[in-house]
Amino acid sequence: MGKKNKGRNDGLVYSTNQDYFDDYEEQAEETLPKEEQRLRVRIETKHRGGKIATVVDGFVGSSDDLKDLGKEIKTKCGTGGSAKDGQIIIQGDYKQKIIQWLKDWGYKDTK
């Protein structure tokens, strides 16, 4: 019996070759330093029932670091939101405040 895919990104779903997964080591995604991050902040209303959300896009790094940054932004805004798939979504219009906070925290290339 074969093994199931352990997170490989080559499109393989299933293999009967027992040795195929032996050389695979899961690599943790490395988080870029703050100075090298290229974050973009925008306002969205699509697919949200007409409600406004501020989206921070372009984060490159681990999901834990993304969630930590998202938590920090949510705390500063005093509102809810989520952080997943390289995006931080904040409920409400906080675009200018978030841009200023990110620049203050060392994220230089933020628009």
PDB file of N, CA and C in Angstrom:
ATOM      1  N   MET A   1       0.828  -1.178   0.000  1.00  0.00           N
ATOM      2  CA  MET A   1       0.000   0.000   0.000  1.00  0.00           C
ATOM      3  C   MET A   1       0.877   1.248   0.000  1.00  0.00           C
ATOM      4  N   GLY A   2       0.499   2.287  -0.731  1.00  0.00           N
ATOM      5  CA  GLY A   2       1.300   3.504  -0.847  1.00  0.00           C
ATOM      6  C   GLY A   2       1.074   4.481   0.283  1.00  0.00           C
ATOM      7  N   LYS A   3       1.853   5.562   0.255  1.00  0.00           N
ATOM      8  CA  LYS A   3       1.725   6.618   1.263  1.00  0.00           C
ATOM      9  C   LYS A   3       1.012   7.799   0.646  1.00  0.00           C
ATOM     10  N   LYS A   4       0.322   8.533   1.481  1.00  0.00           N
ATOM     11  CA  LYS A   4      -0.331   9.749   0.998  1.00  0.00           C
ATOM     12  C   LYS A   4       0.680  10.888   0.956  1.00  0.00           C
ATOM     13  N   ASN A   5       0.373  11.900   0.174  1.00  0.00           N
ATOM     14  CA  ASN A   5       1.223  13.070   0.012  1.00  0.00           C
ATOM     15  C   ASN A   5       1.446  13.748   1.363  1.00  0.00           C
ATOM     16  N   LYS A   6       2.699  14.006   1.702  1.00  0.00           N
ATOM     17  CA  LYS A   6       3.035  14.660   2.966  1.00  0.00           C
ATOM     18  C   LYS A   6       3.349  16.132   2.767  1.00  0.00           C
ATOM     19  N   GLY A   7       2.705  16.796   1.866  1.00  0.00           N
ATOM     20  CA  GLY A   7       2.926  18.214   1.695  1.00  0.00           C
ATOM     21  C   GLY A   7       3.827  18.589   0.537  1.00  0.00           C
ATOM     22  N   ARG A   8       4.143  17.660  -0.341  1.00  0.00           N
ATOM     23  CA  ARG A   8       4.988  17.984  -1.491  1.00  0.00           C
ATOM     24  C   ARG A   8       4.249  18.930  -2.403  1.00  0.00           C
ATOM     25  N   ASN A   9       4.972  19.770  -3.098  1.00  0.00           N
ATOM     26  CA  ASN A   9       4.371  20.754  -3.996  1.00  0.00           C
ATOM     27  C   ASN A   9       4.553  20.401  -5.460  1.00  0.00           C
ATOM     28  N   ASP A  10       4.830  19.127  -5.781  1.00  0.00           N
ATOM     29  CA  ASP A  10       5.066  18.763  -7.168  1.00  0.00           C
ATOM     30  C   ASP A  10       3.821  18.213  -7.848  1.00  0.00           C
ATOM     31  N   GLY A  11       2.660  18.274  -7.202  1.00  0.00           N
ATOM     32  CA  GLY A  11       1.413  17.843  -7.809  1.00  0.00           C
ATOM     33  C   GLY A  11       1.080  16.387  -7.577  1.00  0.00           C
ATOM     34  N   LEU A  12       1.996  15.620  -7.014  1.00  0.00           N
ATOM     35  CA  LEU A  12       1.748  14.210  -6.769  1.00  0.00           C
ATOM     36  C   LEU A  12       0.757  14.058  -5.626  1.00  0.00           C
ATOM     37  N   VAL A  13      -0.250  13.235  -5.835  1.00  0.00           N
ATOM     38  CA  VAL A  13      -1.256  13.008  -4.813  1.00  0.00           C
ATOM     39  C   VAL A  13      -1.032  11.673  -4.108  1.00  0.00           C
ATOM     40  N   TYR A  14      -0.602  10.663  -4.857  1.00  0.00           N
ATOM     41  CA  TYR A  14      -0.464   9.324  -4.300  1.00  0.00           C
ATOM     42  C   TYR A  14       0.653   8.585  -5.021  1.00  0.00           C
ATOM     43  N   SER A  15       1.423   7.780  -4.305  1.00  0.00           N
ATOM     44  CA  SER A  15       2.481   6.998  -4.921  1.00  0.00           C
ATOM     45  C   SER A  15       2.557   5.628  -4.264  1.00  0.00           C
ATOM     46  N   THR A  16       2.817   4.602  -5.076  1.00  0.00           N
ATOM     47  CA  THR A  16       3.030   3.261  -4.543  1.00  0.00           C
ATOM     48  C   THR A  16       4.507   3.015  -4.254  1.00  0.00           C
ATOM     49  N   ASN A  17       5.372   3.941  -4.640  1.00  0.00           N
ATOM     50  CA  ASN A  17       6.800   3.841  -4.391  1.00  0.00           C
ATOM     51  C   ASN A  17       7.066   4.220  -2.933  1.00  0.00           C
ATOM     52  N   GLN A  18       7.454   3.248  -2.114  1.00  0.00           N
ATOM     53  CA  GLN A  18       7.663   3.483  -0.683  1.00  0.00           C
ATOM     54  C   GLN A  18       8.832   4.432  -0.404  1.00  0.00           C
ATOM     55  N   ASP A  19       9.811   4.508  -1.317  1.00  0.00           N
ATOM     56  CA  ASP A  19      10.986   5.344  -1.111  1.00  0.00           C
ATOM     57  C   ASP A  19      10.774   6.793  -1.552  1.00  0.00           C
ATOM     58  N   TYR A  20       9.655   7.082  -2.187  1.00  0.00           N
ATOM     59  CA  TYR A  20       9.436   8.407  -2.764  1.00  0.00           C
ATOM     60  C   TYR A  20       9.442   9.500  -1.702  1.00  0.00           C
ATOM     61  N   PHE A  21       8.897   9.237  -0.532  1.00  0.00           N
ATOM     62  CA  PHE A  21       8.763  10.264   0.496  1.00  0.00           C
ATOM     63  C   PHE A  21       9.896  10.244   1.511  1.00  0.00           C
ATOM     64  N   ASP A  22      10.778   9.264   1.448  1.00  0.00           N
ATOM     65  CA  ASP A  22      11.843   9.147   2.434  1.00  0.00           C
ATOM     66  C   ASP A  22      12.814  10.317   2.417  1.00  0.00           C
ATOM     67  N   ASP A  23      13.079  10.899   1.241  1.00  0.00           N
ATOM     68  CA  ASP A  23      14.038  11.998   1.149  1.00  0.00           C
ATOM     69  C   ASP A  23      13.385  13.364   1.344  1.00  0.00           C
ATOM     70  N   TYR A  24      12.091  13.364   1.535  1.00  0.00           N
ATOM     71  CA  TYR A  24      11.374  14.634   1.655  1.00  0.00           C
ATOM     72  C   TYR A  24      11.436  15.163   3.077  1.00  0.00           C
ATOM     73  N   GLU A  25      11.859  16.401   3.209  1.00  0.00           N
ATOM     74  CA  GLU A  25      11.829  17.087   4.496  1.00  0.00           C
ATOM     75  C   GLU A  25      11.000  18.344   4.323  1.00  0.00           C
ATOM     76  N   GLU A  26      10.009  18.497   5.163  1.00  0.00           N
ATOM     77  CA  GLU A  26       9.153  19.676   5.042  1.00  0.00           C
ATOM     78  C   GLU A  26       9.956  20.920   5.394  1.00  0.00           C
ATOM     79  N   GLN A  27       9.914  21.892   4.501  1.00  0.00           N
ATOM     80  CA  GLN A  27      10.665  23.123   4.706  1.00  0.00           C
ATOM     81  C   GLN A  27       9.741  24.201   5.242  1.00  0.00           C
ATOM     82  N   ALA A  28      10.152  24.838   6.313  1.00  0.00           N
ATOM     83  CA  ALA A  28       9.373  25.940   6.861  1.00  0.00           C
ATOM     84  C   ALA A  28       9.616  27.174   5.993  1.00  0.00           C
ATOM     85  N   GLU A  29       8.549  27.877   5.687  1.00  0.00           N
ATOM     86  CA  GLU A  29       8.688  29.068   4.869  1.00  0.00           C
ATOM     87  C   GLU A  29       9.363  30.153   5.698  1.00  0.00           C
ATOM     88  N   GLU A  30      10.418  30.719   5.141  1.00  0.00           N
ATOM     89  CA  GLU A  30      11.190  31.728   5.853  1.00  0.00           C
ATOM     90  C   GLU A  30      10.527  33.092   5.716  1.00  0.00           C
ATOM     91  N   THR A  31      10.403  33.799   6.823  1.00  0.00           N
ATOM     92  CA  THR A  31       9.795  35.120   6.820  1.00  0.00           C
ATOM     93  C   THR A  31      10.843  36.155   6.434  1.00  0.00           C
ATOM     94  N   LEU A  32      10.487  36.973   5.453  1.00  0.00           N
ATOM     95  CA  LEU A  32      11.388  38.047   5.041  1.00  0.00           C
ATOM     96  C   LEU A  32      11.503  39.084   6.157  1.00  0.00           C
ATOM     97  N   PRO A  33      12.654  39.757   6.260  1.00  0.00           N
ATOM     98  CA  PRO A  33      12.779  40.836   7.240  1.00  0.00           C
ATOM     99  C   PRO A  33      11.789  41.962   6.928  1.00  0.00           C
ATOM    100  N   LYS A  34      11.454  42.743   7.936  1.00  0.00           N
ATOM    101  CA  LYS A  34      10.472  43.829   7.777  1.00  0.00           C
ATOM    102  C   LYS A  34      10.850  44.779   6.655  1.00  0.00           C
ATOM    103  N   GLU A  35      12.136  45.073   6.516  1.00  0.00           N
ATOM    104  CA  GLU A  35      12.593  46.040   5.509  1.00  0.00           C
ATOM    105  C   GLU A  35      12.367  45.530   4.088  1.00  0.00           C
ATOM    106  N   GLU A  36      12.306  44.195   3.911  1.00  0.00           N
ATOM    107  CA  GLU A  36      12.154  43.613   2.578  1.00  0.00           C
ATOM    108  C   GLU A  36      10.712  43.255   2.239  1.00  0.00           C
ATOM    109  N   GLN A  37       9.821  43.343   3.211  1.00  0.00           N
ATOM    110  CA  GLN A  37       8.410  43.041   2.956  1.00  0.00           C
ATOM    111  C   GLN A  37       7.810  44.128   2.070  1.00  0.00           C
ATOM    112  N   ARG A  38       6.953  43.721   1.149  1.00  0.00           N
ATOM    113  CA  ARG A  38       6.302  44.663   0.230  1.00  0.00           C
ATOM    114  C   ARG A  38       4.791  44.559   0.443  1.00  0.00           C
ATOM    115  N   LEU A  39       4.301  45.271   1.441  1.00  0.00           N
ATOM    116  CA  LEU A  39       2.906  45.164   1.833  1.00  0.00           C
ATOM    117  C   LEU A  39       2.051  46.208   1.127  1.00  0.00           C
ATOM    118  N   ARG A  40       0.848  45.797   0.741  1.00  0.00           N
ATOM    119  CA  ARG A  40      -0.110  46.686   0.096  1.00  0.00           C
ATOM    120  C   ARG A  40      -1.401  46.658   0.894  1.00  0.00           C
ATOM    121  N   VAL A  41      -1.930  47.831   1.194  1.00  0.00           N
ATOM    122  CA  VAL A  41      -3.150  47.963   1.994  1.00  0.00           C
ATOM    123  C   VAL A  41      -4.233  48.529   1.094  1.00  0.00           C
ATOM    124  N   ARG A  42      -5.405  47.880   1.099  1.00  0.00           N
ATOM    125  CA  ARG A  42      -6.511  48.354   0.264  1.00  0.00           C
ATOM    126  C   ARG A  42      -7.838  48.132   0.990  1.00  0.00           C
ATOM    127  N   ILE A  43      -8.865  48.825   0.500  1.00  0.00           N
ATOM    128  CA  ILE A  43     -10.215  48.699   1.027  1.00  0.00           C
ATOM    129  C   ILE A  43     -11.016  47.811   0.086  1.00  0.00           C
ATOM    130  N   GLU A  44     -11.798  46.884   0.638  1.00  0.00           N
ATOM    131  CA  GLU A  44     -12.641  45.994  -0.160  1.00  0.00           C
ATOM    132  C   GLU A  44     -14.062  46.006   0.385  1.00  0.00           C
ATOM    133  N   THR A  45     -15.023  45.896  -0.542  1.00  0.00           N
ATOM    134  CA  THR A  45     -16.419  45.712  -0.156  1.00  0.00           C
ATOM    135  C   THR A  45     -17.042  44.528  -0.878  1.00  0.00           C
ATOM    136  N   LYS A  46     -16.365  43.998  -1.880  1.00  0.00           N
ATOM    137  CA  LYS A  46     -16.900  42.879  -2.655  1.00  0.00           C
ATOM    138  C   LYS A  46     -17.029  41.622  -1.797  1.00  0.00           C
ATOM    139  N   HIS A  47     -18.115  40.891  -2.009  1.00  0.00           N
ATOM    140  CA  HIS A  47     -18.372  39.615  -1.348  1.00  0.00           C
ATOM    141  C   HIS A  47     -18.420  39.743   0.167  1.00  0.00           C
ATOM    142  N   ARG A  48     -18.772  40.898   0.667  1.00  0.00           N
ATOM    143  CA  ARG A  48     -18.829  41.108   2.109  1.00  0.00           C
ATOM    144  C   ARG A  48     -20.172  41.698   2.532  1.00  0.00           C
ATOM    145  N   GLY A  49     -21.157  41.560   1.687  1.00  0.00           N
ATOM    146  CA  GLY A  49     -22.481  42.065   2.021  1.00  0.00           C
ATOM    147  C   GLY A  49     -22.524  43.573   2.153  1.00  0.00           C
ATOM    148  N   GLY A  50     -21.660  44.268   1.411  1.00  0.00           N
ATOM    149  CA  GLY A  50     -21.631  45.720   1.458  1.00  0.00           C
ATOM    150  C   GLY A  50     -20.814  46.288   2.602  1.00  0.00           C
ATOM    151  N   LYS A  51     -20.278  45.439   3.446  1.00  0.00           N
ATOM    152  CA  LYS A  51     -19.470  45.911   4.570  1.00  0.00           C
ATOM    153  C   LYS A  51     -18.031  46.145   4.111  1.00  0.00           C
ATOM    154  N   ILE A  52     -17.395  47.086   4.758  1.00  0.00           N
ATOM    155  CA  ILE A  52     -16.030  47.474   4.390  1.00  0.00           C
ATOM    156  C   ILE A  52     -15.021  46.635   5.162  1.00  0.00           C
ATOM    157  N   ALA A  53     -13.954  46.223   4.459  1.00  0.00           N
ATOM    158  CA  ALA A  53     -12.843  45.509   5.084  1.00  0.00           C
ATOM    159  C   ALA A  53     -11.541  46.090   4.551  1.00  0.00           C
ATOM    160  N   THR A  54     -10.558  46.194   5.402  1.00  0.00           N
ATOM    161  CA  THR A  54      -9.221  46.633   5.013  1.00  0.00           C
ATOM    162  C   THR A  54      -8.361  45.378   4.855  1.00  0.00           C
ATOM    163  N   VAL A  55      -7.705  45.252   3.699  1.00  0.00           N
ATOM    164  CA  VAL A  55      -6.914  44.061   3.393  1.00  0.00           C
ATOM    165  C   VAL A  55      -5.444  44.445   3.275  1.00  0.00           C
ATOM    166  N   VAL A  56      -4.592  43.742   4.009  1.00  0.00           N
ATOM    167  CA  VAL A  56      -3.142  43.904   3.912  1.00  0.00           C
ATOM    168  C   VAL A  56      -2.639  42.696   3.141  1.00  0.00           C
ATOM    169  N   ASP A  57      -2.045  42.935   1.987  1.00  0.00           N
ATOM    170  CA  ASP A  57      -1.617  41.893   1.057  1.00  0.00           C
ATOM    171  C   ASP A  57      -0.105  41.884   0.908  1.00  0.00           C
ATOM    172  N   GLY A  58       0.451  40.753   0.508  1.00  0.00           N
ATOM    173  CA  GLY A  58       1.855  40.696   0.116  1.00  0.00           C
ATOM    174  C   GLY A  58       2.799  40.204   1.183  1.00  0.00           C
ATOM    175  N   PHE A  59       2.309  39.737   2.313  1.00  0.00           N
ATOM    176  CA  PHE A  59       3.200  39.253   3.369  1.00  0.00           C
ATOM    177  C   PHE A  59       3.863  37.958   2.920  1.00  0.00           C
ATOM    178  N   VAL A  60       5.184  37.891   3.046  1.00  0.00           N
ATOM    179  CA  VAL A  60       5.937  36.692   2.680  1.00  0.00           C
ATOM    180  C   VAL A  60       6.548  36.139   3.961  1.00  0.00           C
ATOM    181  N   GLY A  61       6.097  34.942   4.338  1.00  0.00           N
ATOM    182  CA  GLY A  61       6.634  34.337   5.543  1.00  0.00           C
ATOM    183  C   GLY A  61       5.744  33.254   6.082  1.00  0.00           C
ATOM    184  N   SER A  62       6.061  32.822   7.287  1.00  0.00           N
ATOM    185  CA  SER A  62       5.321  31.728   7.910  1.00  0.00           C
ATOM    186  C   SER A  62       3.936  32.186   8.337  1.00  0.00           C
ATOM    187  N   SER A  63       3.034  31.236   8.433  1.00  0.00           N
ATOM    188  CA  SER A  63       1.665  31.575   8.824  1.00  0.00           C
ATOM    189  C   SER A  63       1.621  32.060  10.272  1.00  0.00           C
ATOM    190  N   ASP A  64       2.536  31.586  11.114  1.00  0.00           N
ATOM    191  CA  ASP A  64       2.576  32.063  12.503  1.00  0.00           C
ATOM    192  C   ASP A  64       2.956  33.534  12.572  1.00  0.00           C
ATOM    193  N   ASP A  65       3.946  33.950  11.767  1.00  0.00           N
ATOM    194  CA  ASP A  65       4.344  35.359  11.742  1.00  0.00           C
ATOM    195  C   ASP A  65       3.220  36.231  11.180  1.00  0.00           C
ATOM    196  N   LEU A  66       2.513  35.718  10.171  1.00  0.00           N
ATOM    197  CA  LEU A  66       1.378  36.439   9.601  1.00  0.00           C
ATOM    198  C   LEU A  66       0.284  36.618  10.644  1.00  0.00           C
ATOM    199  N   LYS A  67      -0.009  35.562  11.387  1.00  0.00           N
ATOM    200  CA  LYS A  67      -1.043  35.641  12.421  1.00  0.00           C
ATOM    201  C   LYS A  67      -0.640  36.595  13.533  1.00  0.00           C
ATOM    202  N   ASP A  68       0.650  36.617  13.886  1.00  0.00           N
ATOM    203  CA  ASP A  68       1.127  37.542  14.921  1.00  0.00           C
ATOM    204  C   ASP A  68       0.951  38.996  14.481  1.00  0.00           C
ATOM    205  N   LEU A  69       1.314  39.282  13.224  1.00  0.00           N
ATOM    206  CA  LEU A  69       1.141  40.641  12.700  1.00  0.00           C
ATOM    207  C   LEU A  69      -0.343  40.989  12.636  1.00  0.00           C
ATOM    208  N   GLY A  70      -1.166  40.047  12.192  1.00  0.00           N
ATOM    209  CA  GLY A  70      -2.604  40.277  12.134  1.00  0.00           C
ATOM    210  C   GLY A  70      -3.184  40.570  13.505  1.00  0.00           C
ATOM    211  N   LYS A  71      -2.734  39.826  14.506  1.00  0.00           N
ATOM    212  CA  LYS A  71      -3.216  40.045  15.875  1.00  0.00           C
ATOM    213  C   LYS A  71      -2.828  41.430  16.380  1.00  0.00           C
ATOM    214  N   GLU A  72      -1.605  41.848  16.062  1.00  0.00           N
ATOM    215  CA  GLU A  72      -1.136  43.171  16.485  1.00  0.00           C
ATOM    216  C   GLU A  72      -1.971  44.286  15.839  1.00  0.00           C
ATOM    217  N   ILE A  73      -2.272  44.124  14.545  1.00  0.00           N
ATOM    218  CA  ILE A  73      -3.078  45.125  13.840  1.00  0.00           C
ATOM    219  C   ILE A  73      -4.502  45.137  14.386  1.00  0.00           C
ATOM    220  N   LYS A  74      -5.086  43.962  14.596  1.00  0.00           N
ATOM    221  CA  LYS A  74      -6.450  43.889  15.130  1.00  0.00           C
ATOM    222  C   LYS A  74      -6.541  44.537  16.504  1.00  0.00           C
ATOM    223  N   THR A  75      -5.520  44.339  17.336  1.00  0.00           N
ATOM    224  CA  THR A  75      -5.489  44.936  18.665  1.00  0.00           C
ATOM    225  C   THR A  75      -5.426  46.460  18.568  1.00  0.00           C
ATOM    226  N   LYS A  76      -4.571  46.971  17.671  1.00  0.00           N
ATOM    227  CA  LYS A  76      -4.456  48.422  17.496  1.00  0.00           C
ATOM    228  C   LYS A  76      -5.759  49.034  17.003  1.00  0.00           C
ATOM    229  N   CYS A  77      -6.457  48.316  16.091  1.00  0.00           N
ATOM    230  CA  CYS A  77      -7.712  48.826  15.537  1.00  0.00           C
ATOM    231  C   CYS A  77      -8.877  48.612  16.495  1.00  0.00           C
ATOM    232  N   GLY A  78      -8.755  47.660  17.387  1.00  0.00           N
ATOM    233  CA  GLY A  78      -9.845  47.352  18.296  1.00  0.00           C
ATOM    234  C   GLY A  78     -11.021  46.706  17.578  1.00  0.00           C
ATOM    235  N   THR A  79     -10.728  45.880  16.591  1.00  0.00           N
ATOM    236  CA  THR A  79     -11.777  45.250  15.799  1.00  0.00           C
ATOM    237  C   THR A  79     -11.381  43.825  15.451  1.00  0.00           C
ATOM    238  N   GLY A  80     -12.269  43.111  14.785  1.00  0.00           N
ATOM    239  CA  GLY A  80     -12.013  41.732  14.398  1.00  0.00           C
ATOM    240  C   GLY A  80     -11.379  41.627  13.033  1.00  0.00           C
ATOM    241  N   GLY A  81     -11.044  40.422  12.666  1.00  0.00           N
ATOM    242  CA  GLY A  81     -10.455  40.166  11.360  1.00  0.00           C
ATOM    243  C   GLY A  81      -9.851  38.788  11.314  1.00  0.00           C
ATOM    244  N   SER A  82      -9.104  38.521  10.257  1.00  0.00           N
ATOM    245  CA  SER A  82      -8.456  37.217  10.112  1.00  0.00           C
ATOM    246  C   SER A  82      -7.125  37.391   9.396  1.00  0.00           C
ATOM    247  N   ALA A  83      -6.290  36.358   9.507  1.00  0.00           N
ATOM    248  CA  ALA A  83      -4.987  36.366   8.849  1.00  0.00           C
ATOM    249  C   ALA A  83      -4.731  34.980   8.284  1.00  0.00           C
ATOM    250  N   LYS A  84      -4.754  34.853   6.952  1.00  0.00           N
ATOM    251  CA  LYS A  84      -4.483  33.567   6.305  1.00  0.00           C
ATOM    252  C   LYS A  84      -4.155  33.795   4.846  1.00  0.00           C
ATOM    253  N   ASP A  85      -3.463  32.832   4.249  1.00  0.00           N
ATOM    254  CA  ASP A  85      -3.118  32.858   2.825  1.00  0.00           C
ATOM    255  C   ASP A  85      -2.378  34.126   2.416  1.00  0.00           C
ATOM    256  N   GLY A  86      -1.503  34.639   3.275  1.00  0.00           N
ATOM    257  CA  GLY A  86      -0.713  35.821   2.938  1.00  0.00           C
ATOM    258  C   GLY A  86      -1.474  37.126   3.030  1.00  0.00           C
ATOM    259  N   GLN A  87      -2.694  37.100   3.572  1.00  0.00           N
ATOM    260  CA  GLN A  87      -3.516  38.303   3.699  1.00  0.00           C
ATOM    261  C   GLN A  87      -3.961  38.491   5.140  1.00  0.00           C
ATOM    262  N   ILE A  88      -4.065  39.760   5.507  1.00  0.00           N
ATOM    263  CA  ILE A  88      -4.667  40.110   6.788  1.00  0.00           C
ATOM    264  C   ILE A  88      -5.910  40.914   6.454  1.00  0.00           C
ATOM    265  N   ILE A  89      -7.066  40.479   6.941  1.00  0.00           N
ATOM    266  CA  ILE A  89      -8.326  41.153   6.660  1.00  0.00           C
ATOM    267  C   ILE A  89      -8.842  41.736   7.969  1.00  0.00           C
ATOM    268  N   ILE A  90      -9.048  43.046   7.979  1.00  0.00           N
ATOM    269  CA  ILE A  90      -9.514  43.763   9.161  1.00  0.00           C
ATOM    270  C   ILE A  90     -10.905  44.328   8.871  1.00  0.00           C
ATOM    271  N   GLN A  91     -11.832  44.156   9.792  1.00  0.00           N
ATOM    272  CA  GLN A  91     -13.190  44.672   9.610  1.00  0.00           C
ATOM    273  C   GLN A  91     -13.191  46.188   9.801  1.00  0.00           C
ATOM    274  N   GLY A  92     -13.650  46.909   8.769  1.00  0.00           N
ATOM    275  CA  GLY A  92     -13.731  48.359   8.854  1.00  0.00           C
ATOM    276  C   GLY A  92     -12.698  49.047   7.984  1.00  0.00           C
ATOM    277  N   ASP A  93     -12.800  50.372   7.912  1.00  0.00           N
ATOM    278  CA  ASP A  93     -11.895  51.185   7.093  1.00  0.00           C
ATOM    279  C   ASP A  93     -10.787  51.758   7.975  1.00  0.00           C
ATOM    280  N   TYR A  94      -9.638  51.093   7.962  1.00  0.00           N
ATOM    281  CA  TYR A  94      -8.482  51.525   8.753  1.00  0.00           C
ATOM    282  C   TYR A  94      -7.247  51.688   7.880  1.00  0.00           C
ATOM    283  N   LYS A  95      -7.428  51.927   6.597  1.00  0.00           N
ATOM    284  CA  LYS A  95      -6.319  51.925   5.645  1.00  0.00           C
ATOM    285  C   LYS A  95      -5.190  52.871   6.060  1.00  0.00           C
ATOM    286  N   GLN A  96      -5.489  54.139   6.277  1.00  0.00           N
ATOM    287  CA  GLN A  96      -4.434  55.114   6.589  1.00  0.00           C
ATOM    288  C   GLN A  96      -3.740  54.802   7.917  1.00  0.00           C
ATOM    289  N   LYS A  97      -4.514  54.400   8.917  1.00  0.00           N
ATOM    290  CA  LYS A  97      -3.922  54.071  10.214  1.00  0.00           C
ATOM    291  C   LYS A  97      -2.990  52.864  10.096  1.00  0.00           C
ATOM    292  N   ILE A  98      -3.422  51.826   9.374  1.00  0.00           N
ATOM    293  CA  ILE A  98      -2.607  50.617   9.233  1.00  0.00           C
ATOM    294  C   ILE A  98      -1.320  50.918   8.474  1.00  0.00           C
ATOM    295  N   ILE A  99      -1.412  51.715   7.405  1.00  0.00           N
ATOM    296  CA  ILE A  99      -0.201  52.091   6.663  1.00  0.00           C
ATOM    297  C   ILE A  99       0.786  52.794   7.587  1.00  0.00           C
ATOM    298  N   GLN A 100       0.294  53.725   8.398  1.00  0.00           N
ATOM    299  CA  GLN A 100       1.174  54.464   9.307  1.00  0.00           C
ATOM    300  C   GLN A 100       1.786  53.540  10.360  1.00  0.00           C
ATOM    301  N   TRP A 101       0.985  52.646  10.938  1.00  0.00           N
ATOM    302  CA  TRP A 101       1.507  51.710  11.939  1.00  0.00           C
ATOM    303  C   TRP A 101       2.564  50.800  11.341  1.00  0.00           C
ATOM    304  N   LEU A 102       2.309  50.271  10.145  1.00  0.00           N
ATOM    305  CA  LEU A 102       3.281  49.380   9.506  1.00  0.00           C
ATOM    306  C   LEU A 102       4.599  50.097   9.257  1.00  0.00           C
ATOM    307  N   LYS A 103       4.536  51.338   8.808  1.00  0.00           N
ATOM    308  CA  LYS A 103       5.771  52.105   8.594  1.00  0.00           C
ATOM    309  C   LYS A 103       6.484  52.353   9.916  1.00  0.00           C
ATOM    310  N   ASP A 104       5.727  52.664  10.975  1.00  0.00           N
ATOM    311  CA  ASP A 104       6.324  52.869  12.298  1.00  0.00           C
ATOM    312  C   ASP A 104       6.989  51.598  12.819  1.00  0.00           C
ATOM    313  N   TRP A 105       6.445  50.427  12.467  1.00  0.00           N
ATOM    314  CA  TRP A 105       6.972  49.144  12.928  1.00  0.00           C
ATOM    315  C   TRP A 105       8.133  48.651  12.075  1.00  0.00           C
ATOM    316  N   GLY A 106       8.511  49.395  11.022  1.00  0.00           N
ATOM    317  CA  GLY A 106       9.675  49.026  10.229  1.00  0.00           C
ATOM    318  C   GLY A 106       9.396  48.443   8.855  1.00  0.00           C
ATOM    319  N   TYR A 107       8.137  48.353   8.469  1.00  0.00           N
ATOM    320  CA  TYR A 107       7.791  47.874   7.126  1.00  0.00           C
ATOM    321  C   TYR A 107       7.860  49.063   6.181  1.00  0.00           C
ATOM    322  N   LYS A 108       9.034  49.285   5.608  1.00  0.00           N
ATOM    323  CA  LYS A 108       9.312  50.505   4.825  1.00  0.00           C
ATOM    324  C   LYS A 108       8.535  50.588   3.523  1.00  0.00           C
ATOM    325  N   ASP A 109       8.426  49.478   2.784  1.00  0.00           N
ATOM    326  CA  ASP A 109       7.769  49.488   1.459  1.00  0.00           C
ATOM    327  C   ASP A 109       6.289  49.138   1.612  1.00  0.00           C
ATOM    328  N   THR A 110       5.535  50.063   2.195  1.00  0.00           N
ATOM    329  CA  THR A 110       4.110  49.856   2.443  1.00  0.00           C
ATOM    330  C   THR A 110       3.331  50.961   1.772  1.00  0.00           C
ATOM    331  N   LYS A 111       2.307  50.585   1.014  1.00  0.00           N
ATOM    332  CA  LYS A 111       1.450  51.559   0.340  1.00  0.00           C
ATOM    333  C   LYS A 111       0.010  51.196   0.563  1.00  0.00           C
TER     334      LYS A 111
END
